[in-house]
C-alpha atoms as a PDB file:
ATOM      1  CA  PHE A   1     -62.933 143.310  66.245  1.00  0.00           C
ATOM      2  CA  PRO A   2     -65.569 144.509  63.794  1.00  0.00           C
ATOM      3  CA  PRO A   3     -68.494 142.106  63.280  1.00  0.00           C
ATOM      4  CA  PRO A   4     -68.539 140.039  60.059  1.00  0.00           C
ATOM      5  CA  ASN A   5     -70.261 141.736  57.137  1.00  0.00           C
ATOM      6  CA  PHE A   6     -73.249 139.390  57.269  1.00  0.00           C
ATOM      7  CA  LEU A   7     -73.978 140.600  60.835  1.00  0.00           C
ATOM      8  CA  VAL A   8     -73.768 144.303  60.000  1.00  0.00           C
ATOM      9  CA  SER A   9     -77.047 146.004  59.001  1.00  0.00           C
ATOM     10  CA  PRO A  10     -76.623 148.100  55.848  1.00  0.00           C
ATOM     11  CA  SER A  11     -76.900 151.846  56.412  1.00  0.00           C
ATOM     12  CA  PHE A  12     -79.660 153.212  54.174  1.00  0.00           C
ATOM     13  CA  GLY A  13     -80.637 156.848  53.793  1.00  0.00           C
ATOM     14  CA  LEU A  14     -84.025 157.576  52.193  1.00  0.00           C
ATOM     15  CA  ASP A  15     -84.778 161.115  51.048  1.00  0.00           C
ATOM     16  CA  ILE A  16     -88.487 161.630  50.281  1.00  0.00           C
ATOM     17  CA  SER A  17     -89.931 164.618  48.427  1.00  0.00           C
ATOM     18  CA  ASP A  18     -93.232 165.345  46.690  1.00  0.00           C
ATOM     19  CA  GLU A  19     -91.847 164.061  43.371  1.00  0.00           C
ATOM     20  CA  SER A  20     -89.415 161.269  44.204  1.00  0.00           C
ATOM     21  CA  LEU A  21     -87.526 159.230  46.750  1.00  0.00           C
ATOM     22  CA  LYS A  22     -83.769 158.756  46.612  1.00  0.00           C
ATOM     23  CA  PHE A  23     -81.968 156.017  48.489  1.00  0.00           C
ATOM     24  CA  VAL A  24     -78.308 155.369  49.243  1.00  0.00           C
ATOM     25  CA  GLU A  25     -76.580 152.522  51.040  1.00  0.00           C
ATOM     26  CA  LEU A  26     -73.220 153.110  52.715  1.00  0.00           C
ATOM     27  CA  ILE A  27     -71.047 150.152  53.622  1.00  0.00           C
ATOM     28  CA  THR A  28     -67.801 149.739  55.548  1.00  0.00           C
ATOM     29  CA  THR A  29     -64.917 148.225  53.580  1.00  0.00           C
ATOM     30  CA  LYS A  30     -61.232 147.731  54.299  1.00  0.00           C
ATOM     31  CA  ASN A  31     -60.668 151.023  52.431  1.00  0.00           C
ATOM     32  CA  GLY A  32     -63.248 152.954  54.473  1.00  0.00           C
ATOM     33  CA  ILE A  33     -66.854 153.928  53.784  1.00  0.00           C
ATOM     34  CA  GLU A  34     -68.104 153.264  50.260  1.00  0.00           C
ATOM     35  CA  MET A  35     -71.433 153.556  48.499  1.00  0.00           C
ATOM     36  CA  GLY A  36     -73.483 150.430  47.825  1.00  0.00           C
ATOM     37  CA  ARG A  37     -76.978 150.302  46.389  1.00  0.00           C
ATOM     38  CA  HIS A  38     -78.473 153.605  45.326  1.00  0.00           C
ATOM     39  CA  GLY A  39     -81.163 154.952  43.064  1.00  0.00           C
ATOM     40  CA  GLU A  40     -84.277 157.035  42.621  1.00  0.00           C
ATOM     41  CA  ARG A  41     -87.971 156.232  42.282  1.00  0.00           C
ATOM     42  CA  LYS A  42     -90.550 158.676  40.978  1.00  0.00           C
ATOM     43  CA  ILE A  43     -93.571 159.409  43.152  1.00  0.00           C
ATOM     44  CA  PRO A  44     -96.705 160.068  41.043  1.00  0.00           C
ATOM     45  CA  PRO A  45     -98.354 163.492  41.503  1.00  0.00           C
ATOM     46  CA  GLY A  46    -100.885 163.829  44.304  1.00  0.00           C
ATOM     47  CA  ILE A  47     -99.396 161.240  46.673  1.00  0.00           C
ATOM     48  CA  ILE A  48     -97.354 163.779  48.682  1.00  0.00           C
ATOM     49  CA  GLU A  49     -98.095 167.519  48.591  1.00  0.00           C
ATOM     50  CA  SER A  50     -95.947 170.079  50.433  1.00  0.00           C
ATOM     51  CA  GLY A  51     -94.590 167.267  52.570  1.00  0.00           C
ATOM     52  CA  LYS A  52     -97.991 165.924  53.626  1.00  0.00           C
ATOM     53  CA  ILE A  53     -99.004 162.396  52.658  1.00  0.00           C
ATOM     54  CA  LYS A  54    -102.278 162.656  50.727  1.00  0.00           C
ATOM     55  CA  ASN A  55    -102.505 159.058  49.489  1.00  0.00           C
ATOM     56  CA  PRO A  56    -100.957 156.594  51.978  1.00  0.00           C
ATOM     57  CA  THR A  57    -102.027 153.552  49.952  1.00  0.00           C
ATOM     58  CA  LYS A  58    -100.144 154.674  46.842  1.00  0.00           C
ATOM     59  CA  LEU A  59     -97.048 155.630  48.837  1.00  0.00           C
ATOM     60  CA  LYS A  60     -97.130 152.218  50.488  1.00  0.00           C
ATOM     61  CA  GLU A  61     -97.102 150.628  47.007  1.00  0.00           C
ATOM     62  CA  VAL A  62     -94.003 152.641  46.066  1.00  0.00           C
ATOM     63  CA  LEU A  63     -92.223 151.617  49.281  1.00  0.00           C
ATOM     64  CA  LEU A  64     -93.214 147.946  49.011  1.00  0.00           C
ATOM     65  CA  THR A  65     -91.813 147.847  45.479  1.00  0.00           C
ATOM     66  CA  LEU A  66     -88.600 149.467  46.705  1.00  0.00           C
ATOM     67  CA  ARG A  67     -88.341 146.944  49.537  1.00  0.00           C
ATOM     68  CA  LYS A  68     -88.862 144.038  47.145  1.00  0.00           C
ATOM     69  CA  GLU A  69     -86.436 145.288  44.485  1.00  0.00           C
ATOM     70  CA  GLU A  70     -83.643 146.539  46.745  1.00  0.00           C
ATOM     71  CA  GLY A  71     -84.104 144.470  49.905  1.00  0.00           C
ATOM     72  CA  ILE A  72     -84.310 147.573  52.086  1.00  0.00           C
ATOM     73  CA  ARG A  73     -85.367 146.737  55.662  1.00  0.00           C
ATOM     74  CA  PHE A  74     -83.999 149.572  57.820  1.00  0.00           C
ATOM     75  CA  VAL A  75     -83.795 153.243  56.816  1.00  0.00           C
ATOM     76  CA  ARG A  76     -83.092 156.723  58.071  1.00  0.00           C
ATOM     77  CA  VAL A  77     -85.663 159.091  56.580  1.00  0.00           C
ATOM     78  CA  SER A  78     -85.746 162.861  55.971  1.00  0.00           C
ATOM     79  CA  LEU A  79     -88.642 164.968  57.216  1.00  0.00           C
ATOM     80  CA  PRO A  80     -90.411 167.486  54.930  1.00  0.00           C
ATOM     81  CA  GLU A  81     -89.024 170.966  55.613  1.00  0.00           C
ATOM     82  CA  GLU A  82     -92.393 172.563  54.895  1.00  0.00           C
ATOM     83  CA  GLN A  83     -93.921 170.869  57.956  1.00  0.00           C
ATOM     84  CA  VAL A  84     -91.135 171.534  60.478  1.00  0.00           C
ATOM     85  CA  TYR A  85     -90.855 174.536  62.806  1.00  0.00           C
ATOM     86  CA  LEU A  86     -87.419 175.626  64.058  1.00  0.00           C
ATOM     87  CA  PHE A  87     -86.674 177.961  66.943  1.00  0.00           C
ATOM     88  CA  GLN A  88     -84.048 178.691  69.583  1.00  0.00           C
ATOM     89  CA  LEU A  89     -84.917 178.717  73.268  1.00  0.00           C
ATOM     90  CA  LYS A  90     -83.059 179.782  76.381  1.00  0.00           C
ATOM     91  CA  LEU A  91     -83.904 177.822  79.517  1.00  0.00           C
ATOM     92  CA  GLU A  92     -82.911 179.042  82.963  1.00  0.00           C
ATOM     93  CA  LYS A  93     -81.398 176.230  85.037  1.00  0.00           C
ATOM     94  CA  SER A  94     -83.017 177.522  88.212  1.00  0.00           C
ATOM     95  CA  GLY A  95     -86.107 175.387  88.792  1.00  0.00           C
ATOM     96  CA  LEU A  96     -85.532 173.381  85.600  1.00  0.00           C
ATOM     97  CA  LYS A  97     -86.090 169.682  86.307  1.00  0.00           C
ATOM     98  CA  ASN A  98     -86.252 168.347  82.751  1.00  0.00           C
ATOM     99  CA  ILE A  99     -85.179 169.969  79.474  1.00  0.00           C
ATOM    100  CA  ARG A 100     -87.987 168.395  77.444  1.00  0.00           C
ATOM    101  CA  GLU A 101     -90.553 169.545  79.983  1.00  0.00           C
ATOM    102  CA  GLY A 102     -89.135 173.068  79.861  1.00  0.00           C
ATOM    103  CA  ILE A 103     -89.363 173.108  76.060  1.00  0.00           C
ATOM    104  CA  GLU A 104     -92.903 171.752  76.096  1.00  0.00           C
ATOM    105  CA  LEU A 105     -94.057 174.549  78.407  1.00  0.00           C
ATOM    106  CA  ALA A 106     -92.678 177.157  75.963  1.00  0.00           C
ATOM    107  CA  LEU A 107     -93.650 175.357  72.750  1.00  0.00           C
ATOM    108  CA  GLU A 108     -96.893 177.179  71.984  1.00  0.00           C
ATOM    109  CA  GLU A 109     -95.118 180.543  72.186  1.00  0.00           C
ATOM    110  CA  HIS A 110     -93.025 179.552  69.167  1.00  0.00           C
ATOM    111  CA  VAL A 111     -95.114 177.243  66.965  1.00  0.00           C
ATOM    112  CA  PRO A 112     -98.746 177.571  65.757  1.00  0.00           C
ATOM    113  CA  ILE A 113     -99.824 174.132  67.027  1.00  0.00           C
ATOM    114  CA  PRO A 114    -100.865 172.994  70.523  1.00  0.00           C
ATOM    115  CA  ALA A 115     -98.134 171.267  72.504  1.00  0.00           C
ATOM    116  CA  GLN A 116    -100.162 168.036  72.722  1.00  0.00           C
ATOM    117  CA  ASP A 117    -100.362 167.946  68.905  1.00  0.00           C
ATOM    118  CA  ALA A 118     -96.617 168.364  68.331  1.00  0.00           C
ATOM    119  CA  ILE A 119     -93.561 166.132  68.406  1.00  0.00           C
ATOM    120  CA  PHE A 120     -90.229 167.834  68.994  1.00  0.00           C
ATOM    121  CA  ASP A 121     -86.533 167.208  69.424  1.00  0.00           C
ATOM    122  CA  TYR A 122     -83.680 169.507  70.365  1.00  0.00           C
ATOM    123  CA  ASP A 123     -79.930 170.101  70.154  1.00  0.00           C
ATOM    124  CA  LEU A 124     -77.965 171.738  72.942  1.00  0.00           C
ATOM    125  CA  ILE A 125     -76.190 174.755  71.465  1.00  0.00           C
ATOM    126  CA  ALA A 126     -74.642 176.468  74.489  1.00  0.00           C
ATOM    127  CA  GLU A 127     -74.564 176.201  78.252  1.00  0.00           C
ATOM    128  CA  ASP A 128     -73.294 178.279  81.154  1.00  0.00           C
ATOM    129  CA  ALA A 129     -73.727 178.151  84.925  1.00  0.00           C
ATOM    130  CA  LYS A 130     -77.200 179.724  84.814  1.00  0.00           C
ATOM    131  CA  SER A 131     -78.837 178.673  81.548  1.00  0.00           C
ATOM    132  CA  LEU A 132     -79.068 176.363  78.542  1.00  0.00           C
ATOM    133  CA  GLU A 133     -79.552 177.366  74.917  1.00  0.00           C
ATOM    134  CA  VAL A 134     -81.291 174.779  72.733  1.00  0.00           C
ATOM    135  CA  GLN A 135     -82.302 174.567  69.081  1.00  0.00           C
ATOM    136  CA  VAL A 136     -85.751 172.985  68.808  1.00  0.00           C
ATOM    137  CA  ALA A 137     -87.415 171.310  65.809  1.00  0.00           C
ATOM    138  CA  ALA A 138     -91.155 170.624  66.080  1.00  0.00           C
ATOM    139  CA  ILE A 139     -93.543 168.888  63.677  1.00  0.00           C
ATOM    140  CA  PRO A 140     -97.295 168.204  63.838  1.00  0.00           C
ATOM    141  CA  LYS A 141     -97.851 164.807  65.434  1.00  0.00           C
ATOM    142  CA  ASN A 142    -100.256 163.678  62.709  1.00  0.00           C
ATOM    143  CA  VAL A 143     -97.645 164.347  59.978  1.00  0.00           C
ATOM    144  CA  MET A 144     -95.055 162.252  61.835  1.00  0.00           C
ATOM    145  CA  GLU A 145     -97.542 159.470  62.573  1.00  0.00           C
ATOM    146  CA  ASN A 146     -98.647 159.324  58.926  1.00  0.00           C
ATOM    147  CA  TYR A 147     -95.066 158.750  57.775  1.00  0.00           C
ATOM    148  CA  LEU A 148     -94.376 156.128  60.439  1.00  0.00           C
ATOM    149  CA  SER A 149     -97.649 154.349  59.675  1.00  0.00           C
ATOM    150  CA  VAL A 150     -96.902 154.074  55.947  1.00  0.00           C
ATOM    151  CA  PHE A 151     -93.416 152.709  56.592  1.00  0.00           C
ATOM    152  CA  ARG A 152     -94.766 150.255  59.141  1.00  0.00           C
ATOM    153  CA  ASP A 153     -97.346 149.004  56.624  1.00  0.00           C
ATOM    154  CA  SER A 154     -94.542 148.701  54.060  1.00  0.00           C
ATOM    155  CA  LEU A 155     -92.543 146.465  56.442  1.00  0.00           C
ATOM    156  CA  ILE A 156     -89.650 148.944  56.527  1.00  0.00           C
ATOM    157  CA  SER A 157     -88.237 149.851  59.932  1.00  0.00           C
ATOM    158  CA  VAL A 158     -87.486 153.564  60.439  1.00  0.00           C
ATOM    159  CA  GLN A 159     -84.304 154.059  62.478  1.00  0.00           C
ATOM    160  CA  SER A 160     -84.622 157.838  62.587  1.00  0.00           C
ATOM    161  CA  LEU A 161     -86.515 160.789  61.124  1.00  0.00           C
ATOM    162  CA  GLU A 162     -84.612 164.026  60.768  1.00  0.00           C
ATOM    163  CA  LEU A 163     -84.592 167.400  59.098  1.00  0.00           C
ATOM    164  CA  GLU A 164     -83.483 167.384  55.484  1.00  0.00           C
ATOM    165  CA  ALA A 165     -81.302 170.399  56.287  1.00  0.00           C
ATOM    166  CA  GLN A 166     -79.526 168.476  59.045  1.00  0.00           C
ATOM    167  CA  SER A 167     -78.888 165.442  56.858  1.00  0.00           C
ATOM    168  CA  ILE A 168     -77.586 167.551  53.960  1.00  0.00           C
ATOM    169  CA  SER A 169     -75.230 169.395  56.298  1.00  0.00           C
ATOM    170  CA  ARG A 170     -73.822 166.056  57.517  1.00  0.00           C
ATOM    171  CA  ALA A 171     -72.928 165.255  53.915  1.00  0.00           C
ATOM    172  CA  VAL A 172     -71.506 168.592  52.715  1.00  0.00           C
ATOM    173  CA  ILE A 173     -69.863 170.151  55.797  1.00  0.00           C
ATOM    174  CA  LYS A 174     -66.638 168.637  57.112  1.00  0.00           C
ATOM    175  CA  ARG A 175     -67.178 166.668  60.283  1.00  0.00           C
ATOM    176  CA  GLY A 176     -66.238 168.727  63.343  1.00  0.00           C
ATOM    177  CA  ASP A 177     -66.521 172.067  61.505  1.00  0.00           C
ATOM    178  CA  ILE A 178     -68.494 174.445  63.761  1.00  0.00           C
ATOM    179  CA  ASP A 179     -68.440 177.498  61.470  1.00  0.00           C
ATOM    180  CA  THR A 180     -71.644 178.937  60.038  1.00  0.00           C
ATOM    181  CA  TYR A 181     -72.727 178.108  56.476  1.00  0.00           C
ATOM    182  CA  MET A 182     -75.682 178.718  54.216  1.00  0.00           C
ATOM    183  CA  ILE A 183     -76.741 175.707  52.135  1.00  0.00           C
ATOM    184  CA  VAL A 184     -78.879 176.256  49.024  1.00  0.00           C
ATOM    185  CA  ASP A 185     -80.564 173.061  47.829  1.00  0.00           C
ATOM    186  CA  PHE A 186     -81.725 173.976  44.307  1.00  0.00           C
ATOM    187  CA  GLY A 187     -84.033 171.169  43.225  1.00  0.00           C
ATOM    188  CA  GLN A 188     -86.487 170.443  40.447  1.00  0.00           C
ATOM    189  CA  THR A 189     -89.567 172.133  41.892  1.00  0.00           C
ATOM    190  CA  ARG A 190     -88.368 173.913  45.018  1.00  0.00           C
ATOM    191  CA  THR A 191     -85.307 175.370  46.707  1.00  0.00           C
ATOM    192  CA  GLY A 192     -84.345 174.911  50.336  1.00  0.00           C
ATOM    193  CA  ILE A 193     -82.301 177.614  52.056  1.00  0.00           C
ATOM    194  CA  PHE A 194     -80.659 176.436  55.271  1.00  0.00           C
ATOM    195  CA  ILE A 195     -78.307 178.024  57.777  1.00  0.00           C
ATOM    196  CA  ILE A 196     -76.097 175.616  59.710  1.00  0.00           C
ATOM    197  CA  SER A 197     -74.181 176.890  62.733  1.00  0.00           C
ATOM    198  CA  ARG A 198     -72.115 174.812  65.178  1.00  0.00           C
ATOM    199  CA  GLY A 199     -73.254 171.723  63.299  1.00  0.00           C
ATOM    200  CA  VAL A 200     -76.952 172.411  63.874  1.00  0.00           C
ATOM    201  CA  ALA A 201     -79.674 173.597  61.473  1.00  0.00           C
ATOM    202  CA  VAL A 202     -80.760 176.960  62.928  1.00  0.00           C
ATOM    203  CA  PHE A 203     -82.838 178.260  60.015  1.00  0.00           C
ATOM    204  CA  THR A 204     -84.732 176.728  57.089  1.00  0.00           C
ATOM    205  CA  SER A 205     -86.877 178.182  54.338  1.00  0.00           C
ATOM    206  CA  THR A 206     -88.492 176.610  51.278  1.00  0.00           C
ATOM    207  CA  LEU A 207     -89.093 178.498  48.017  1.00  0.00           C
ATOM    208  CA  ASP A 208     -91.337 177.441  45.145  1.00  0.00           C
ATOM    209  CA  ILE A 209     -88.517 178.035  42.667  1.00  0.00           C
ATOM    210  CA  GLY A 210     -86.729 175.156  40.983  1.00  0.00           C
ATOM    211  CA  GLY A 211     -85.214 173.878  37.779  1.00  0.00           C
ATOM    212  CA  MET A 212     -88.659 173.163  36.329  1.00  0.00           C
ATOM    213  CA  SER A 213     -89.565 176.855  36.465  1.00  0.00           C
ATOM    214  CA  LEU A 214     -86.455 177.572  34.365  1.00  0.00           C
ATOM    215  CA  ASN A 215     -87.565 174.928  31.857  1.00  0.00           C
ATOM    216  CA  ASN A 216     -91.025 176.489  31.680  1.00  0.00           C
ATOM    217  CA  MET A 217     -89.541 179.940  30.990  1.00  0.00           C
ATOM    218  CA  ILE A 218     -87.426 178.588  28.129  1.00  0.00           C
ATOM    219  CA  GLN A 219     -90.374 176.618  26.724  1.00  0.00           C
ATOM    220  CA  LYS A 220     -92.584 179.694  26.759  1.00  0.00           C
ATOM    221  CA  ASN A 221     -90.036 182.051  25.233  1.00  0.00           C
ATOM    222  CA  PHE A 222     -88.658 179.731  22.542  1.00  0.00           C
ATOM    223  CA  ASN A 223     -91.784 177.673  21.821  1.00  0.00           C
ATOM    224  CA  VAL A 224     -90.046 174.325  22.316  1.00  0.00           C
ATOM    225  CA  SER A 225     -90.960 171.124  24.175  1.00  0.00           C
ATOM    226  CA  LEU A 226     -90.118 170.795  27.863  1.00  0.00           C
ATOM    227  CA  GLU A 227     -87.538 168.156  26.980  1.00  0.00           C
ATOM    228  CA  GLU A 228     -85.837 170.495  24.529  1.00  0.00           C
ATOM    229  CA  ALA A 229     -86.068 173.354  27.024  1.00  0.00           C
ATOM    230  CA  ASN A 230     -84.254 171.249  29.618  1.00  0.00           C
ATOM    231  CA  LYS A 231     -81.522 170.408  27.096  1.00  0.00           C
ATOM    232  CA  MET A 232     -81.080 174.096  26.267  1.00  0.00           C
ATOM    233  CA  LYS A 233     -80.865 174.975  29.957  1.00  0.00           C
ATOM    234  CA  GLN A 234     -78.187 172.351  30.557  1.00  0.00           C
ATOM    235  CA  GLN A 235     -76.241 173.229  27.418  1.00  0.00           C
ATOM    236  CA  TYR A 236     -76.105 177.009  27.805  1.00  0.00           C
ATOM    237  CA  GLY A 237     -76.937 177.892  31.412  1.00  0.00           C
ATOM    238  CA  LEU A 238     -75.846 181.351  32.506  1.00  0.00           C
ATOM    239  CA  GLU A 239     -72.963 181.639  30.073  1.00  0.00           C
ATOM    240  CA  ARG A 240     -73.182 185.064  28.497  1.00  0.00           C
ATOM    241  CA  ASN A 241     -72.061 184.995  24.876  1.00  0.00           C
ATOM    242  CA  VAL A 242     -73.457 185.754  21.417  1.00  0.00           C
ATOM    243  CA  GLU A 243     -74.926 182.281  20.906  1.00  0.00           C
ATOM    244  CA  ASN A 244     -76.443 182.205  24.360  1.00  0.00           C
ATOM    245  CA  LYS A 245     -77.585 185.824  24.682  1.00  0.00           C
ATOM    246  CA  GLU A 246     -81.352 185.244  24.599  1.00  0.00           C
ATOM    247  CA  ILE A 247     -81.351 182.187  26.889  1.00  0.00           C
ATOM    248  CA  PHE A 248     -79.112 184.019  29.338  1.00  0.00           C
ATOM    249  CA  PHE A 249     -81.650 186.803  29.877  1.00  0.00           C
ATOM    250  CA  VAL A 250     -84.593 184.374  30.057  1.00  0.00           C
ATOM    251  CA  LEU A 251     -82.872 182.329  32.771  1.00  0.00           C
ATOM    252  CA  LEU A 252     -81.656 185.450  34.546  1.00  0.00           C
ATOM    253  CA  ASN A 253     -85.258 186.513  35.222  1.00  0.00           C
ATOM    254  CA  SER A 254     -85.875 183.395  37.322  1.00  0.00           C
ATOM    255  CA  VAL A 255     -82.410 183.017  38.819  1.00  0.00           C
ATOM    256  CA  SER A 256     -82.390 186.654  39.967  1.00  0.00           C
ATOM    257  CA  VAL A 257     -85.557 185.962  41.991  1.00  0.00           C
ATOM    258  CA  LEU A 258     -83.732 183.065  43.662  1.00  0.00           C
ATOM    259  CA  ARG A 259     -80.687 185.289  44.250  1.00  0.00           C
ATOM    260  CA  ASP A 260     -82.860 187.963  45.888  1.00  0.00           C
ATOM    261  CA  GLU A 261     -84.343 185.408  48.303  1.00  0.00           C
ATOM    262  CA  ILE A 262     -80.917 184.004  49.190  1.00  0.00           C
ATOM    263  CA  GLU A 263     -79.544 187.500  49.725  1.00  0.00           C
ATOM    264  CA  LYS A 264     -82.509 188.499  51.898  1.00  0.00           C
ATOM    265  CA  HIS A 265     -81.893 185.627  54.311  1.00  0.00           C
ATOM    266  CA  PHE A 266     -78.124 186.115  54.142  1.00  0.00           C
ATOM    267  CA  LEU A 267     -78.374 189.812  55.059  1.00  0.00           C
ATOM    268  CA  TYR A 268     -80.960 189.214  57.774  1.00  0.00           C
ATOM    269  CA  TRP A 269     -78.739 186.661  59.488  1.00  0.00           C
ATOM    270  CA  ASN A 270     -75.656 188.857  59.284  1.00  0.00           C
ATOM    271  CA  THR A 271     -77.311 192.126  60.346  1.00  0.00           C
ATOM    272  CA  HIS A 272     -79.863 191.088  63.001  1.00  0.00           C
ATOM    273  CA  LYS A 273     -79.002 190.067  66.539  1.00  0.00           C
ATOM    274  CA  ASP A 274     -80.197 186.948  68.306  1.00  0.00           C
ATOM    275  CA  GLU A 275     -82.646 186.911  71.232  1.00  0.00           C
ATOM    276  CA  GLU A 276     -79.811 187.710  73.629  1.00  0.00           C
ATOM    277  CA  GLY A 277     -78.841 190.797  71.637  1.00  0.00           C
ATOM    278  CA  LYS A 278     -75.672 189.160  70.311  1.00  0.00           C
ATOM    279  CA  ASN A 279     -74.496 189.165  66.706  1.00  0.00           C
ATOM    280  CA  HIS A 280     -74.952 185.921  64.808  1.00  0.00           C
ATOM    281  CA  PRO A 281     -71.699 184.243  63.773  1.00  0.00           C
ATOM    282  CA  PRO A 282     -71.030 185.364  60.179  1.00  0.00           C
ATOM    283  CA  ILE A 283     -71.824 183.010  57.299  1.00  0.00           C
ATOM    284  CA  LYS A 284     -68.483 181.715  56.029  1.00  0.00           C
ATOM    285  CA  LYS A 285     -69.713 180.683  52.585  1.00  0.00           C
ATOM    286  CA  ILE A 286     -72.724 179.507  50.583  1.00  0.00           C
ATOM    287  CA  ILE A 287     -72.760 175.836  49.560  1.00  0.00           C
ATOM    288  CA  LEU A 288     -74.851 174.730  46.559  1.00  0.00           C
ATOM    289  CA  CYS A 289     -76.413 171.291  46.143  1.00  0.00           C
ATOM    290  CA  GLY A 290     -79.507 169.809  44.504  1.00  0.00           C
ATOM    291  CA  GLY A 291     -80.035 168.527  40.973  1.00  0.00           C
ATOM    292  CA  ASP A 292     -80.309 171.946  39.327  1.00  0.00           C
ATOM    293  CA  SER A 293     -77.453 173.583  41.206  1.00  0.00           C
ATOM    294  CA  ASN A 294     -75.061 172.503  38.471  1.00  0.00           C
ATOM    295  CA  LEU A 295     -76.591 175.060  36.116  1.00  0.00           C
ATOM    296  CA  ILE A 296     -73.607 176.417  34.190  1.00  0.00           C
ATOM    297  CA  GLY A 297     -72.485 179.735  35.651  1.00  0.00           C
ATOM    298  CA  LEU A 298     -74.771 179.664  38.718  1.00  0.00           C
ATOM    299  CA  PRO A 299     -72.038 179.685  41.415  1.00  0.00           C
ATOM    300  CA  GLU A 300     -70.179 182.469  39.604  1.00  0.00           C
ATOM    301  CA  TYR A 301     -73.346 184.540  39.150  1.00  0.00           C
ATOM    302  CA  LEU A 302     -74.350 184.245  42.817  1.00  0.00           C
ATOM    303  CA  SER A 303     -70.793 184.902  44.022  1.00  0.00           C
ATOM    304  CA  VAL A 304     -70.333 188.044  41.933  1.00  0.00           C
ATOM    305  CA  SER A 305     -73.815 189.497  42.471  1.00  0.00           C
ATOM    306  CA  MET A 306     -73.791 188.807  46.229  1.00  0.00           C
ATOM    307  CA  LYS A 307     -70.081 189.550  46.680  1.00  0.00           C
ATOM    308  CA  ASN A 308     -69.680 186.422  48.775  1.00  0.00           C
ATOM    309  CA  ARG A 309     -68.016 183.031  48.480  1.00  0.00           C
ATOM    310  CA  VAL A 310     -70.233 180.447  46.725  1.00  0.00           C
ATOM    311  CA  GLU A 311     -69.142 176.850  46.107  1.00  0.00           C
ATOM    312  CA  MET A 312     -70.558 173.625  44.738  1.00  0.00           C
ATOM    313  CA  SER A 313     -70.875 170.993  47.442  1.00  0.00           C
ATOM    314  CA  ASN A 314     -68.683 167.938  47.820  1.00  0.00           C
ATOM    315  CA  VAL A 315     -71.002 165.213  49.147  1.00  0.00           C
ATOM    316  CA  TRP A 316     -68.081 162.813  49.667  1.00  0.00           C
ATOM    317  CA  ILE A 317     -66.191 165.073  52.079  1.00  0.00           C
ATOM    318  CA  ASN A 318     -67.064 162.852  55.081  1.00  0.00           C
ATOM    319  CA  ILE A 319     -67.184 159.562  53.221  1.00  0.00           C
ATOM    320  CA  ALA A 320     -63.996 158.981  51.254  1.00  0.00           C
ATOM    321  CA  GLU A 321     -61.017 160.582  49.611  1.00  0.00           C
ATOM    322  CA  THR A 322     -62.042 160.673  45.967  1.00  0.00           C
ATOM    323  CA  GLU A 323     -58.382 160.315  44.969  1.00  0.00           C
ATOM    324  CA  ASN A 324     -58.550 156.741  46.249  1.00  0.00           C
ATOM    325  CA  TYR A 325     -62.234 155.934  45.716  1.00  0.00           C
ATOM    326  CA  ILE A 326     -64.239 156.791  42.616  1.00  0.00           C
ATOM    327  CA  PRO A 327     -67.988 156.739  43.398  1.00  0.00           C
ATOM    328  CA  GLU A 328     -70.416 155.323  40.859  1.00  0.00           C
ATOM    329  CA  LEU A 329     -72.354 158.599  40.801  1.00  0.00           C
ATOM    330  CA  SER A 330     -71.196 161.403  38.528  1.00  0.00           C
ATOM    331  CA  PHE A 331     -70.589 164.792  40.143  1.00  0.00           C
ATOM    332  CA  SER A 332     -73.867 166.221  38.852  1.00  0.00           C
ATOM    333  CA  GLN A 333     -75.808 163.159  40.050  1.00  0.00           C
ATOM    334  CA  SER A 334     -74.170 163.278  43.460  1.00  0.00           C
ATOM    335  CA  LEU A 335     -75.618 166.750  44.082  1.00  0.00           C
ATOM    336  CA  THR A 336     -79.129 165.266  44.131  1.00  0.00           C
ATOM    337  CA  PHE A 337     -78.167 162.606  46.706  1.00  0.00           C
ATOM    338  CA  ALA A 338     -76.786 164.926  49.409  1.00  0.00           C
ATOM    339  CA  ALA A 339     -79.693 164.346  51.823  1.00  0.00           C
ATOM    340  CA  ALA A 340     -79.742 160.562  51.319  1.00  0.00           C
ATOM    341  CA  LEU A 341     -75.974 160.328  51.824  1.00  0.00           C
ATOM    342  CA  GLY A 342     -76.154 162.475  54.948  1.00  0.00           C
ATOM    343  CA  LEU A 343     -78.925 160.288  56.352  1.00  0.00           C
ATOM    344  CA  ALA A 344     -76.894 157.123  55.749  1.00  0.00           C
ATOM    345  CA  LEU A 345     -73.908 158.730  57.459  1.00  0.00           C
ATOM    346  CA  GLY A 346     -76.000 158.874  60.626  1.00  0.00           C
ATOM    347  CA  ASP A 347     -75.059 155.247  61.269  1.00  0.00           C
ATOM    348  CA  PHE A 348     -71.370 156.163  61.405  1.00  0.00           C
ATOM    349  CA  ASP A 349     -71.347 158.129  64.678  1.00  0.00           C
ATOM    350  CA  TYR A 350     -72.093 161.440  63.028  1.00  0.00           C
ATOM    351  CA  ASP A 351     -74.857 162.469  65.410  1.00  0.00           C
END
């Protein structure tokens, strides 16, 4: 029998970036998994930069306020992509006593930090009679310790720390699907490009291109406020018509840079072989998420210009049938909560 609700710890996912933190609670009901408390808190500039905590005291204040207002005690937290190193490693079984020890011995060949200054984890990708193939994620120890220290001082217990790419994939890729996908997380100030294969994040890249850069381009070209520029972006997007002609070409300048970066990684994956000389499994489709991914016409533009399948993500695919359960978040809002939802799903045997 399931334990009574008052004995079940809520499942909270907490997605932290340089500009904000987003939190989502998932709860088990008689109708399945549903969303509970959720929201977003702004993080003032200078507290976190490129994923590194620069002002622990101020971040602690933000977290203490969140704890007080929302009653959050236990969380799963995303790690900053900019600080994580990913690589694949083949380990020969002959003479191998311990997988972690084998990885540690090879660590400095793949990451620019000494093994004693790194913390790593791994996923087993493949295995045969002679060898193991693992996907390794490593992060500087001081970065990890800084995050854990701030949460500890904020009286919030961290249940897990994981790659943002991995948590997003748990939310937007159907559970059990082992095909290969590219996820493009188009946010306010940056864009994450991730490749997920066999359920594991095998590549990540972060670009300094986001929705704010589109706003700045409109502001500069039309001499309007940033607020008005954002409204124009949302109203017209990449629709090409008489009324929208000028905005279309202004936005195209920035979006085409993003497209070129996506295409570069897409082509590299599909045309280069792995370390064993084998072809990578082909990318089945590109999945868009992030607050600025719902730019009008973006999926169509990327699909046509790249000649590949591009879709908006469905962050509820592993949570509930939306025919029976209508989440409180709108579709456009839900795109910004993909990482937080994926983190919270980690408590539902999704690891």
